[in-house]
């Protein structure tokens, strides 16, 4: 995923935070994430995603798996 375009040259998160501080804008701590890759069975996709969701995981993307009956889900949740 590409960073949001602000029209300024260096778009790294650190550079954006540094510029914000120089301008007197209060910047909170950066969110730290953990990620999981989960195989999804076509006949149980909702159940699998609901189970992970109950544990605080958010679905980021689903991609084709190694065979037609399987998908792979990429999930994230805040560390802590």
Protein backbone atom coordinates (compact mmCIF):
# COMPACT_ATOMS: atom_id res chain seq x y z
CA UNK A 1 0.00 0.00 0.00
CA UNK A 2 1.41 3.39 -0.97
CA UNK A 3 1.51 6.31 1.48
CA UNK A 4 -0.99 9.11 1.06
CA UNK A 5 0.24 11.83 -1.29
CA UNK A 6 0.67 15.19 0.42
CA UNK A 7 2.50 17.01 -2.37
CA UNK A 8 5.73 17.10 -0.35
CA UNK A 9 8.89 15.21 -1.36
CA UNK A 10 9.83 12.74 1.41
CA UNK A 11 6.68 10.75 2.28
CA UNK A 12 8.10 8.31 4.87
CA UNK A 13 6.06 8.10 8.10
CA UNK A 14 9.05 9.38 10.07
CA UNK A 15 9.46 12.40 7.76
CA UNK A 16 5.74 13.21 7.98
CA UNK A 17 5.81 13.02 11.79
CA UNK A 18 8.94 15.21 11.94
CA UNK A 19 7.34 17.89 9.74
CA UNK A 20 4.17 17.80 11.85
CA UNK A 21 6.18 18.34 15.05
CA UNK A 22 8.06 21.27 13.48
CA UNK A 23 4.70 22.86 12.65
CA UNK A 24 3.52 22.47 16.23
CA UNK A 25 1.07 19.68 15.46
CA UNK A 26 0.71 17.12 18.23
CA UNK A 27 1.36 13.65 16.91
CA UNK A 28 0.40 10.56 18.92
CA UNK A 29 2.41 7.36 18.97
CA UNK A 30 2.47 5.32 15.78
CA UNK A 31 0.24 2.27 15.85
CA UNK A 32 2.17 -1.00 15.86
CA UNK A 33 0.53 -3.94 14.09
CA UNK A 34 0.93 -7.68 14.08
CA UNK A 35 -0.06 -9.72 11.05
CA UNK A 36 -1.35 -13.22 10.35
CA UNK A 37 -1.71 -15.26 7.18
CA UNK A 38 -4.65 -17.68 7.40
CA UNK A 39 -5.77 -20.39 4.96
CA UNK A 40 -9.51 -20.14 4.22
CA UNK A 41 -11.61 -23.08 3.12
CA UNK A 42 -14.31 -21.97 0.67
CA UNK A 43 -17.07 -23.82 2.57
CA UNK A 44 -16.06 -22.27 5.95
CA UNK A 45 -14.80 -18.78 5.07
CA UNK A 46 -17.31 -16.83 7.19
CA UNK A 47 -16.83 -19.05 10.23
CA UNK A 48 -13.03 -18.78 10.03
CA UNK A 49 -13.07 -14.99 9.59
CA UNK A 50 -15.65 -14.53 12.38
CA UNK A 51 -13.44 -16.55 14.74
CA UNK A 52 -10.37 -14.44 13.98
CA UNK A 53 -12.48 -11.25 14.15
CA UNK A 54 -13.64 -12.15 17.67
CA UNK A 55 -9.95 -12.17 18.66
CA UNK A 56 -9.49 -8.62 17.34
CA UNK A 57 -8.10 -9.42 13.89
CA UNK A 58 -9.11 -7.23 10.93
CA UNK A 59 -9.21 -8.62 7.39
CA UNK A 60 -6.80 -6.79 5.07
CA UNK A 61 -6.94 -8.90 1.91
CA UNK A 62 -7.95 -12.29 0.51
CA UNK A 63 -5.89 -13.86 -2.29
CA UNK A 64 -6.10 -17.18 -4.16
CA UNK A 65 -4.51 -20.12 -2.36
CA UNK A 66 -2.50 -23.06 -3.64
CA UNK A 67 -5.60 -24.86 -4.95
CA UNK A 68 -9.10 -23.84 -6.15
CA UNK A 69 -10.80 -24.82 -2.89
CA UNK A 70 -8.58 -22.60 -0.77
CA UNK A 71 -8.05 -18.87 -0.28
CA UNK A 72 -5.50 -17.10 1.89
CA UNK A 73 -6.50 -14.25 4.20
CA UNK A 74 -4.13 -11.56 5.42
CA UNK A 75 -5.18 -10.14 8.79
CA UNK A 76 -3.86 -7.48 11.15
CA UNK A 77 -4.50 -6.28 14.68
CA UNK A 78 -2.97 -3.69 16.93
CA UNK A 79 -0.05 -4.94 19.02
CA UNK A 80 -0.42 -4.66 22.71
